[in-house]
Amino acid sequence: MQTGGRPGHDASVETERLTLRPLGPSDVDDLEALHADPEVMRFLDPEPVEHFLGDSFLAAHEKSGGRFVGWFEFKPLGDGVVELGYRLHPEFWGRGYATEGGKALIERGFTTGGVQRVVATTMFVNAGSRRVMEKCGLRHVRTFHVDWDEPLPGSEYGEVEYALTKDEWQQT
């Protein structure tokens, strides 16, 4: 893996099959197409595309062919804690890309970015995302409930938080 910079600050990451780089205005069409897919948004509330432009969100492209796979989030929350997130086109689900990108960001954060803890959340019913978090080394910390104005199907089961500390990561 090749990396540069610190998490969330103009850093690109290369994995075996992916190139991750900060999302920018040239990615708006790809973002809009990704967020227009009902399968992708099944467990998510829509947000304006502008929310994703900036240092905390990274566009993911296949190295072979350059196709837009989706995006990864590695957003500093303060005190050495970052939030890991990802959103991929369904055609790329089940190929290990989410795990590959997530692990690369975690490694970079813990080795060069001053990160002490990585957290991630999803709906309890989002089994695919929970599997990715577990494959990235994160462990279930808690299940909690949020009162949503317009709850999504499955929200009655709550949200889950997963986390991994630098100490835990170093022991693996």
N, C-alpha and C. Protein backbone atom coordinates (compact mmCIF):
# COMPACT_ATOMS: atom_id res chain seq x y z
N MET A 1 0.84 -1.17 0.00
CA MET A 1 0.00 0.00 0.00
C MET A 1 0.88 1.24 0.00
N GLN A 2 0.55 2.20 -0.84
CA GLN A 2 1.25 3.46 -0.86
C GLN A 2 0.32 4.52 -0.29
N THR A 3 0.88 5.39 0.54
CA THR A 3 0.06 6.42 1.15
C THR A 3 0.79 7.74 1.13
N GLY A 4 0.06 8.78 1.43
CA GLY A 4 0.66 10.09 1.56
C GLY A 4 -0.16 10.93 2.50
N GLY A 5 0.49 11.83 3.21
CA GLY A 5 -0.22 12.76 4.07
C GLY A 5 -0.79 12.11 5.31
N ARG A 6 -1.70 12.81 5.95
CA ARG A 6 -2.37 12.28 7.13
C ARG A 6 -3.84 12.13 6.83
N PRO A 7 -4.59 11.36 7.61
CA PRO A 7 -5.97 11.07 7.25
C PRO A 7 -6.77 12.34 7.07
N GLY A 8 -7.49 12.39 5.96
CA GLY A 8 -8.36 13.52 5.70
C GLY A 8 -7.65 14.75 5.20
N HIS A 9 -6.39 14.66 4.80
CA HIS A 9 -5.67 15.85 4.36
C HIS A 9 -4.93 15.59 3.06
N ASP A 10 -5.62 15.76 1.95
CA ASP A 10 -5.04 15.66 0.61
C ASP A 10 -4.16 14.44 0.44
N ALA A 11 -4.59 13.33 0.99
CA ALA A 11 -3.80 12.10 0.89
C ALA A 11 -4.50 11.13 -0.03
N SER A 12 -3.70 10.48 -0.85
CA SER A 12 -4.25 9.41 -1.66
C SER A 12 -3.71 8.10 -1.13
N VAL A 13 -4.44 7.04 -1.41
CA VAL A 13 -4.06 5.71 -0.94
C VAL A 13 -4.19 4.77 -2.13
N GLU A 14 -3.21 3.90 -2.27
CA GLU A 14 -3.30 2.85 -3.29
C GLU A 14 -3.28 1.51 -2.59
N THR A 15 -4.21 0.65 -2.99
CA THR A 15 -4.23 -0.72 -2.49
C THR A 15 -3.88 -1.61 -3.68
N GLU A 16 -4.02 -2.89 -3.49
CA GLU A 16 -3.72 -3.82 -4.59
C GLU A 16 -4.59 -3.53 -5.82
N ARG A 17 -5.88 -3.20 -5.58
CA ARG A 17 -6.80 -3.04 -6.71
C ARG A 17 -7.46 -1.67 -6.82
N LEU A 18 -7.24 -0.81 -5.83
CA LEU A 18 -7.94 0.47 -5.80
C LEU A 18 -6.99 1.65 -5.67
N THR A 19 -7.46 2.79 -6.20
CA THR A 19 -6.82 4.07 -5.94
C THR A 19 -7.87 4.93 -5.25
N LEU A 20 -7.51 5.47 -4.08
CA LEU A 20 -8.39 6.35 -3.34
C LEU A 20 -7.77 7.74 -3.33
N ARG A 21 -8.60 8.75 -3.64
CA ARG A 21 -8.12 10.13 -3.63
C ARG A 21 -9.27 11.03 -3.20
N PRO A 22 -8.97 12.21 -2.65
CA PRO A 22 -10.06 13.08 -2.18
C PRO A 22 -11.10 13.36 -3.27
N LEU A 23 -12.37 13.29 -2.87
CA LEU A 23 -13.46 13.62 -3.79
C LEU A 23 -13.42 15.11 -4.11
N GLY A 24 -13.74 15.45 -5.35
CA GLY A 24 -13.76 16.84 -5.75
C GLY A 24 -14.89 17.11 -6.73
N PRO A 25 -14.98 18.33 -7.21
CA PRO A 25 -16.06 18.72 -8.13
C PRO A 25 -16.16 17.82 -9.37
N SER A 26 -15.04 17.26 -9.82
CA SER A 26 -15.08 16.40 -11.02
C SER A 26 -15.79 15.07 -10.73
N ASP A 27 -16.07 14.79 -9.46
CA ASP A 27 -16.71 13.53 -9.09
C ASP A 27 -18.22 13.66 -8.89
N VAL A 28 -18.77 14.85 -9.09
CA VAL A 28 -20.20 15.09 -8.79
C VAL A 28 -21.10 14.15 -9.58
N ASP A 29 -20.86 13.96 -10.85
CA ASP A 29 -21.72 13.08 -11.65
C ASP A 29 -21.68 11.64 -11.13
N ASP A 30 -20.48 11.16 -10.79
CA ASP A 30 -20.35 9.81 -10.24
C ASP A 30 -21.07 9.70 -8.90
N LEU A 31 -20.94 10.71 -8.06
CA LEU A 31 -21.62 10.71 -6.77
C LEU A 31 -23.13 10.68 -6.93
N GLU A 32 -23.63 11.52 -7.83
CA GLU A 32 -25.08 11.58 -8.05
C GLU A 32 -25.62 10.24 -8.55
N ALA A 33 -24.87 9.59 -9.43
CA ALA A 33 -25.31 8.28 -9.93
C ALA A 33 -25.29 7.25 -8.80
N LEU A 34 -24.26 7.27 -7.99
CA LEU A 34 -24.17 6.34 -6.85
C LEU A 34 -25.33 6.54 -5.89
N HIS A 35 -25.61 7.78 -5.56
CA HIS A 35 -26.66 8.09 -4.59
C HIS A 35 -28.06 7.97 -5.17
N ALA A 36 -28.17 7.84 -6.46
CA ALA A 36 -29.49 7.64 -7.10
C ALA A 36 -29.89 6.17 -7.12
N ASP A 37 -28.97 5.28 -6.77
CA ASP A 37 -29.24 3.85 -6.80
C ASP A 37 -29.99 3.44 -5.53
N PRO A 38 -31.23 2.93 -5.66
CA PRO A 38 -32.01 2.57 -4.47
C PRO A 38 -31.37 1.46 -3.62
N GLU A 39 -30.61 0.57 -4.25
CA GLU A 39 -29.93 -0.48 -3.48
C GLU A 39 -28.87 0.13 -2.57
N VAL A 40 -28.13 1.10 -3.09
CA VAL A 40 -27.08 1.77 -2.34
C VAL A 40 -27.69 2.53 -1.15
N MET A 41 -28.81 3.17 -1.38
CA MET A 41 -29.40 4.05 -0.37
C MET A 41 -30.41 3.34 0.55
N ARG A 42 -30.53 2.04 0.42
CA ARG A 42 -31.53 1.28 1.18
C ARG A 42 -31.48 1.55 2.69
N PHE A 43 -30.30 1.69 3.25
CA PHE A 43 -30.14 1.89 4.69
C PHE A 43 -29.67 3.30 5.03
N LEU A 44 -29.80 4.22 4.08
CA LEU A 44 -29.22 5.56 4.24
C LEU A 44 -30.21 6.66 3.93
N ASP A 45 -30.07 7.77 4.62
CA ASP A 45 -30.83 8.98 4.30
C ASP A 45 -30.04 9.78 3.27
N PRO A 46 -30.73 10.38 2.31
CA PRO A 46 -30.01 11.18 1.30
C PRO A 46 -29.41 12.45 1.91
N GLU A 47 -28.27 12.84 1.39
CA GLU A 47 -27.60 14.07 1.78
C GLU A 47 -27.17 14.77 0.51
N PRO A 48 -27.03 16.09 0.55
CA PRO A 48 -26.58 16.79 -0.67
C PRO A 48 -25.17 16.35 -1.07
N VAL A 49 -24.93 16.27 -2.36
CA VAL A 49 -23.64 15.82 -2.88
C VAL A 49 -22.50 16.67 -2.34
N GLU A 50 -22.74 17.95 -2.13
CA GLU A 50 -21.69 18.85 -1.65
C GLU A 50 -21.13 18.39 -0.30
N HIS A 51 -21.94 17.68 0.48
CA HIS A 51 -21.51 17.16 1.78
C HIS A 51 -20.29 16.25 1.65
N PHE A 52 -20.15 15.61 0.51
CA PHE A 52 -19.11 14.59 0.32
C PHE A 52 -17.84 15.14 -0.33
N LEU A 53 -17.85 16.39 -0.73
CA LEU A 53 -16.68 16.98 -1.36
C LEU A 53 -15.78 17.54 -0.28
N GLY A 54 -14.54 17.12 -0.27
CA GLY A 54 -13.61 17.60 0.74
C GLY A 54 -12.67 16.51 1.18
N ASP A 55 -11.85 16.86 2.15
CA ASP A 55 -10.74 16.00 2.54
C ASP A 55 -11.13 14.69 3.21
N SER A 56 -12.31 14.61 3.83
CA SER A 56 -12.67 13.41 4.59
C SER A 56 -13.22 12.28 3.73
N PHE A 57 -13.59 12.58 2.49
CA PHE A 57 -14.18 11.58 1.60
C PHE A 57 -13.25 11.32 0.42
N LEU A 58 -13.06 10.04 0.12
CA LEU A 58 -12.13 9.65 -0.93
C LEU A 58 -12.85 8.87 -2.02
N ALA A 59 -12.67 9.30 -3.26
CA ALA A 59 -13.20 8.57 -4.40
C ALA A 59 -12.38 7.30 -4.58
N ALA A 60 -13.07 6.20 -4.85
CA ALA A 60 -12.39 4.92 -5.08
C ALA A 60 -12.56 4.54 -6.54
N HIS A 61 -11.44 4.27 -7.20
CA HIS A 61 -11.43 3.83 -8.59
C HIS A 61 -10.65 2.53 -8.71
N GLU A 62 -11.11 1.68 -9.59
CA GLU A 62 -10.36 0.46 -9.88
C GLU A 62 -9.06 0.84 -10.57
N LYS A 63 -7.97 0.22 -10.17
CA LYS A 63 -6.70 0.47 -10.85
C LYS A 63 -6.76 -0.02 -12.29
N SER A 64 -7.38 -1.19 -12.48
CA SER A 64 -7.49 -1.72 -13.84
C SER A 64 -8.75 -1.15 -14.47
N GLY A 65 -8.60 -0.21 -15.34
CA GLY A 65 -9.74 0.37 -16.05
C GLY A 65 -10.21 1.70 -15.52
N GLY A 66 -9.92 2.01 -14.26
CA GLY A 66 -10.27 3.31 -13.71
C GLY A 66 -11.73 3.54 -13.38
N ARG A 67 -12.55 2.49 -13.36
CA ARG A 67 -13.98 2.68 -13.08
C ARG A 67 -14.21 3.20 -11.66
N PHE A 68 -15.19 4.10 -11.52
CA PHE A 68 -15.58 4.64 -10.22
C PHE A 68 -16.30 3.55 -9.43
N VAL A 69 -15.73 3.16 -8.30
CA VAL A 69 -16.27 2.09 -7.46
C VAL A 69 -17.23 2.66 -6.43
N GLY A 70 -16.90 3.82 -5.89
CA GLY A 70 -17.69 4.45 -4.83
C GLY A 70 -16.81 5.38 -4.03
N TRP A 71 -17.12 5.54 -2.75
CA TRP A 71 -16.28 6.40 -1.91
C TRP A 71 -16.06 5.78 -0.53
N PHE A 72 -15.01 6.30 0.11
CA PHE A 72 -14.67 5.95 1.48
C PHE A 72 -14.60 7.24 2.28
N GLU A 73 -14.96 7.13 3.54
CA GLU A 73 -14.87 8.26 4.47
C GLU A 73 -13.88 7.88 5.55
N PHE A 74 -13.02 8.83 5.91
CA PHE A 74 -12.12 8.67 7.04
C PHE A 74 -12.05 10.04 7.70
N LYS A 75 -13.09 10.33 8.48
CA LYS A 75 -13.35 11.68 8.97
C LYS A 75 -12.91 11.84 10.42
N PRO A 76 -12.00 12.78 10.67
CA PRO A 76 -11.58 13.05 12.05
C PRO A 76 -12.75 13.57 12.88
N LEU A 77 -12.92 12.98 14.07
CA LEU A 77 -13.97 13.41 14.99
C LEU A 77 -13.39 14.13 16.20
N GLY A 78 -12.07 14.16 16.31
CA GLY A 78 -11.40 14.80 17.44
C GLY A 78 -10.78 13.79 18.38
N ASP A 79 -9.77 14.22 19.11
CA ASP A 79 -9.09 13.39 20.11
C ASP A 79 -8.57 12.08 19.54
N GLY A 80 -8.08 12.08 18.30
CA GLY A 80 -7.50 10.88 17.70
C GLY A 80 -8.52 9.86 17.22
N VAL A 81 -9.79 10.24 17.17
CA VAL A 81 -10.86 9.33 16.73
C VAL A 81 -11.28 9.72 15.31
N VAL A 82 -11.42 8.72 14.44
CA VAL A 82 -11.92 8.95 13.08
C VAL A 82 -13.10 8.03 12.81
N GLU A 83 -13.95 8.48 11.91
CA GLU A 83 -15.09 7.68 11.49
C GLU A 83 -14.80 7.07 10.12
N LEU A 84 -14.95 5.75 10.03
CA LEU A 84 -14.80 5.04 8.77
C LEU A 84 -16.17 4.85 8.16
N GLY A 85 -16.28 5.14 6.87
CA GLY A 85 -17.51 4.90 6.14
C GLY A 85 -17.18 4.52 4.71
N TYR A 86 -18.17 3.99 4.00
CA TYR A 86 -17.96 3.58 2.61
C TYR A 86 -19.31 3.44 1.94
N ARG A 87 -19.31 3.65 0.66
CA ARG A 87 -20.52 3.50 -0.15
C ARG A 87 -20.06 3.09 -1.55
N LEU A 88 -20.41 1.88 -1.96
CA LEU A 88 -19.96 1.35 -3.25
C LEU A 88 -21.13 1.02 -4.15
N HIS A 89 -20.90 1.10 -5.46
CA HIS A 89 -21.90 0.64 -6.43
C HIS A 89 -22.16 -0.85 -6.21
N PRO A 90 -23.42 -1.29 -6.31
CA PRO A 90 -23.74 -2.71 -6.10
C PRO A 90 -22.94 -3.67 -6.98
N GLU A 91 -22.56 -3.25 -8.18
CA GLU A 91 -21.80 -4.16 -9.05
C GLU A 91 -20.44 -4.51 -8.44
N PHE A 92 -20.00 -3.73 -7.44
CA PHE A 92 -18.71 -3.99 -6.79
C PHE A 92 -18.86 -4.66 -5.43
N TRP A 93 -20.10 -4.91 -4.99
CA TRP A 93 -20.33 -5.58 -3.71
C TRP A 93 -19.85 -7.02 -3.81
N GLY A 94 -19.38 -7.55 -2.72
CA GLY A 94 -18.97 -8.95 -2.66
C GLY A 94 -17.61 -9.24 -3.27
N ARG A 95 -16.88 -8.22 -3.66
CA ARG A 95 -15.55 -8.40 -4.26
C ARG A 95 -14.42 -8.09 -3.29
N GLY A 96 -14.76 -7.69 -2.08
CA GLY A 96 -13.74 -7.36 -1.09
C GLY A 96 -13.19 -5.95 -1.18
N TYR A 97 -13.76 -5.12 -2.05
CA TYR A 97 -13.26 -3.75 -2.19
C TYR A 97 -13.48 -2.91 -0.94
N ALA A 98 -14.63 -3.03 -0.29
CA ALA A 98 -14.91 -2.23 0.91
C ALA A 98 -13.92 -2.60 2.01
N THR A 99 -13.67 -3.89 2.18
CA THR A 99 -12.71 -4.34 3.19
C THR A 99 -11.30 -3.88 2.83
N GLU A 100 -10.93 -4.00 1.56
CA GLU A 100 -9.60 -3.60 1.12
C GLU A 100 -9.36 -2.11 1.36
N GLY A 101 -10.31 -1.29 0.98
CA GLY A 101 -10.16 0.15 1.18
C GLY A 101 -10.20 0.52 2.65
N GLY A 102 -11.11 -0.09 3.40
CA GLY A 102 -11.21 0.19 4.83
C GLY A 102 -9.94 -0.17 5.58
N LYS A 103 -9.40 -1.34 5.31
CA LYS A 103 -8.16 -1.78 5.97
C LYS A 103 -7.00 -0.84 5.64
N ALA A 104 -6.93 -0.40 4.39
CA ALA A 104 -5.85 0.50 3.98
C ALA A 104 -5.92 1.83 4.73
N LEU A 105 -7.13 2.36 4.86
CA LEU A 105 -7.29 3.63 5.58
C LEU A 105 -6.98 3.47 7.06
N ILE A 106 -7.41 2.36 7.64
CA ILE A 106 -7.12 2.09 9.05
C ILE A 106 -5.61 1.99 9.27
N GLU A 107 -4.94 1.23 8.40
CA GLU A 107 -3.49 1.09 8.52
C GLU A 107 -2.80 2.44 8.43
N ARG A 108 -3.18 3.23 7.45
CA ARG A 108 -2.57 4.56 7.29
C ARG A 108 -2.83 5.41 8.52
N GLY A 109 -4.08 5.39 9.01
CA GLY A 109 -4.42 6.20 10.17
C GLY A 109 -3.62 5.83 11.40
N PHE A 110 -3.48 4.54 11.66
CA PHE A 110 -2.76 4.10 12.85
C PHE A 110 -1.25 4.23 12.72
N THR A 111 -0.70 4.11 11.51
CA THR A 111 0.76 4.14 11.35
C THR A 111 1.30 5.54 11.09
N THR A 112 0.54 6.40 10.41
CA THR A 112 1.09 7.72 10.07
C THR A 112 0.17 8.88 10.39
N GLY A 113 -1.06 8.61 10.79
CA GLY A 113 -2.02 9.69 10.94
C GLY A 113 -2.35 10.11 12.35
N GLY A 114 -1.73 9.50 13.35
CA GLY A 114 -2.03 9.88 14.72
C GLY A 114 -3.38 9.41 15.21
N VAL A 115 -3.99 8.47 14.50
CA VAL A 115 -5.30 7.95 14.89
C VAL A 115 -5.14 6.98 16.06
N GLN A 116 -6.03 7.11 17.04
CA GLN A 116 -6.02 6.22 18.21
C GLN A 116 -7.22 5.27 18.22
N ARG A 117 -8.30 5.67 17.51
CA ARG A 117 -9.51 4.84 17.51
C ARG A 117 -10.29 5.10 16.23
N VAL A 118 -10.76 4.02 15.62
CA VAL A 118 -11.61 4.10 14.42
C VAL A 118 -12.99 3.62 14.82
N VAL A 119 -14.02 4.38 14.44
CA VAL A 119 -15.40 4.00 14.72
C VAL A 119 -16.18 3.95 13.42
N ALA A 120 -17.24 3.15 13.40
CA ALA A 120 -18.13 3.06 12.24
C ALA A 120 -19.51 2.69 12.75
N THR A 121 -20.54 3.20 12.08
CA THR A 121 -21.91 2.88 12.47
C THR A 121 -22.72 2.49 11.24
N THR A 122 -23.76 1.71 11.48
CA THR A 122 -24.71 1.35 10.43
C THR A 122 -25.99 0.90 11.11
N MET A 123 -27.01 0.67 10.31
CA MET A 123 -28.24 0.10 10.85
C MET A 123 -27.97 -1.35 11.24
N PHE A 124 -28.60 -1.79 12.31
CA PHE A 124 -28.46 -3.17 12.76
C PHE A 124 -28.73 -4.16 11.63
N VAL A 125 -29.73 -3.86 10.80
CA VAL A 125 -30.14 -4.79 9.75
C VAL A 125 -29.22 -4.79 8.53
N ASN A 126 -28.24 -3.92 8.49
CA ASN A 126 -27.32 -3.85 7.34
C ASN A 126 -26.19 -4.87 7.54
N ALA A 127 -26.51 -6.12 7.32
CA ALA A 127 -25.56 -7.22 7.57
C ALA A 127 -24.30 -7.10 6.72
N GLY A 128 -24.43 -6.66 5.48
CA GLY A 128 -23.25 -6.53 4.61
C GLY A 128 -22.24 -5.55 5.16
N SER A 129 -22.70 -4.40 5.59
CA SER A 129 -21.80 -3.40 6.14
C SER A 129 -21.19 -3.87 7.45
N ARG A 130 -21.96 -4.54 8.26
CA ARG A 130 -21.44 -5.08 9.52
C ARG A 130 -20.32 -6.09 9.26
N ARG A 131 -20.48 -6.92 8.22
CA ARG A 131 -19.44 -7.88 7.87
C ARG A 131 -18.15 -7.17 7.46
N VAL A 132 -18.29 -6.09 6.69
CA VAL A 132 -17.11 -5.33 6.28
C VAL A 132 -16.40 -4.78 7.51
N MET A 133 -17.15 -4.21 8.44
CA MET A 133 -16.54 -3.65 9.65
C MET A 133 -15.77 -4.73 10.40
N GLU A 134 -16.37 -5.91 10.52
CA GLU A 134 -15.71 -7.02 11.22
C GLU A 134 -14.45 -7.48 10.48
N LYS A 135 -14.52 -7.55 9.15
CA LYS A 135 -13.34 -7.96 8.37
C LYS A 135 -12.22 -6.93 8.46
N CYS A 136 -12.59 -5.68 8.72
CA CYS A 136 -11.59 -4.62 8.90
C CYS A 136 -11.01 -4.64 10.32
N GLY A 137 -11.53 -5.51 11.17
CA GLY A 137 -11.01 -5.64 12.53
C GLY A 137 -11.81 -4.92 13.59
N LEU A 138 -12.85 -4.20 13.20
CA LEU A 138 -13.67 -3.50 14.17
C LEU A 138 -14.57 -4.49 14.90
N ARG A 139 -14.88 -4.16 16.15
CA ARG A 139 -15.74 -5.01 16.98
C ARG A 139 -17.00 -4.25 17.39
N HIS A 140 -18.08 -5.00 17.53
CA HIS A 140 -19.35 -4.40 17.97
C HIS A 140 -19.16 -3.82 19.37
N VAL A 141 -19.52 -2.53 19.52
CA VAL A 141 -19.39 -1.83 20.79
C VAL A 141 -20.76 -1.67 21.45
N ARG A 142 -21.76 -1.29 20.64
CA ARG A 142 -23.09 -1.06 21.21
C ARG A 142 -24.15 -1.04 20.12
N THR A 143 -25.36 -1.28 20.56
CA THR A 143 -26.54 -1.08 19.73
C THR A 143 -27.32 0.05 20.38
N PHE A 144 -27.78 0.99 19.57
CA PHE A 144 -28.50 2.14 20.13
C PHE A 144 -29.66 2.50 19.21
N HIS A 145 -30.58 3.30 19.73
CA HIS A 145 -31.76 3.68 18.96
C HIS A 145 -31.80 5.19 18.78
N VAL A 146 -32.17 5.60 17.59
CA VAL A 146 -32.27 7.01 17.24
C VAL A 146 -33.71 7.27 16.81
N ASP A 147 -34.26 8.39 17.24
CA ASP A 147 -35.60 8.78 16.79
C ASP A 147 -35.46 9.56 15.49
N TRP A 148 -35.85 8.95 14.39
CA TRP A 148 -35.76 9.58 13.07
C TRP A 148 -37.11 10.20 12.72
N ASP A 149 -37.06 11.35 12.04
CA ASP A 149 -38.30 11.99 11.56
C ASP A 149 -39.02 11.08 10.57
N GLU A 150 -38.24 10.48 9.68
CA GLU A 150 -38.79 9.56 8.69
C GLU A 150 -37.98 8.27 8.74
N PRO A 151 -38.31 7.36 9.66
CA PRO A 151 -37.52 6.15 9.83
C PRO A 151 -37.51 5.26 8.59
N LEU A 152 -36.36 4.66 8.33
CA LEU A 152 -36.21 3.71 7.23
C LEU A 152 -36.65 2.34 7.71
N PRO A 153 -37.09 1.48 6.79
CA PRO A 153 -37.45 0.12 7.19
C PRO A 153 -36.26 -0.56 7.87
N GLY A 154 -36.51 -1.16 9.01
CA GLY A 154 -35.47 -1.81 9.78
C GLY A 154 -34.93 -0.96 10.92
N SER A 155 -35.27 0.33 10.93
CA SER A 155 -34.73 1.22 11.97
C SER A 155 -35.22 0.84 13.37
N GLU A 156 -36.33 0.10 13.43
CA GLU A 156 -36.83 -0.32 14.75
C GLU A 156 -35.84 -1.25 15.46
N TYR A 157 -34.89 -1.84 14.73
CA TYR A 157 -33.88 -2.71 15.33
C TYR A 157 -32.67 -1.93 15.82
N GLY A 158 -32.60 -0.64 15.49
CA GLY A 158 -31.54 0.22 15.99
C GLY A 158 -30.35 0.34 15.07
N GLU A 159 -29.39 1.06 15.58
CA GLU A 159 -28.11 1.30 14.92
C GLU A 159 -27.04 0.56 15.71
N VAL A 160 -25.94 0.24 15.06
CA VAL A 160 -24.82 -0.39 15.75
C VAL A 160 -23.56 0.44 15.56
N GLU A 161 -22.74 0.42 16.57
CA GLU A 161 -21.44 1.07 16.51
C GLU A 161 -20.37 0.00 16.64
N TYR A 162 -19.38 0.09 15.78
CA TYR A 162 -18.21 -0.79 15.82
C TYR A 162 -16.99 0.10 16.03
N ALA A 163 -15.94 -0.46 16.62
CA ALA A 163 -14.74 0.34 16.87
C ALA A 163 -13.51 -0.56 16.91
N LEU A 164 -12.36 0.09 16.72
CA LEU A 164 -11.07 -0.56 16.80
C LEU A 164 -10.07 0.47 17.32
N THR A 165 -9.34 0.13 18.37
CA THR A 165 -8.32 1.03 18.88
C THR A 165 -6.97 0.68 18.26
N LYS A 166 -6.06 1.63 18.33
CA LYS A 166 -4.71 1.38 17.81
C LYS A 166 -4.06 0.23 18.55
N ASP A 167 -4.24 0.16 19.86
CA ASP A 167 -3.66 -0.94 20.63
C ASP A 167 -4.21 -2.29 20.18
N GLU A 168 -5.51 -2.37 19.97
CA GLU A 168 -6.11 -3.63 19.49
C GLU A 168 -5.56 -3.99 18.12
N TRP A 169 -5.45 -3.00 17.24
CA TRP A 169 -4.95 -3.22 15.88
C TRP A 169 -3.51 -3.73 15.91
N GLN A 170 -2.69 -3.17 16.78
CA GLN A 170 -1.28 -3.58 16.86
C GLN A 170 -1.13 -5.00 17.36
N GLN A 171 -2.12 -5.51 18.09
CA GLN A 171 -2.05 -6.86 18.64
C GLN A 171 -2.49 -7.93 17.65
N THR A 172 -2.99 -7.50 16.48
CA THR A 172 -3.47 -8.50 15.51
C THR A 172 -2.37 -8.88 14.53
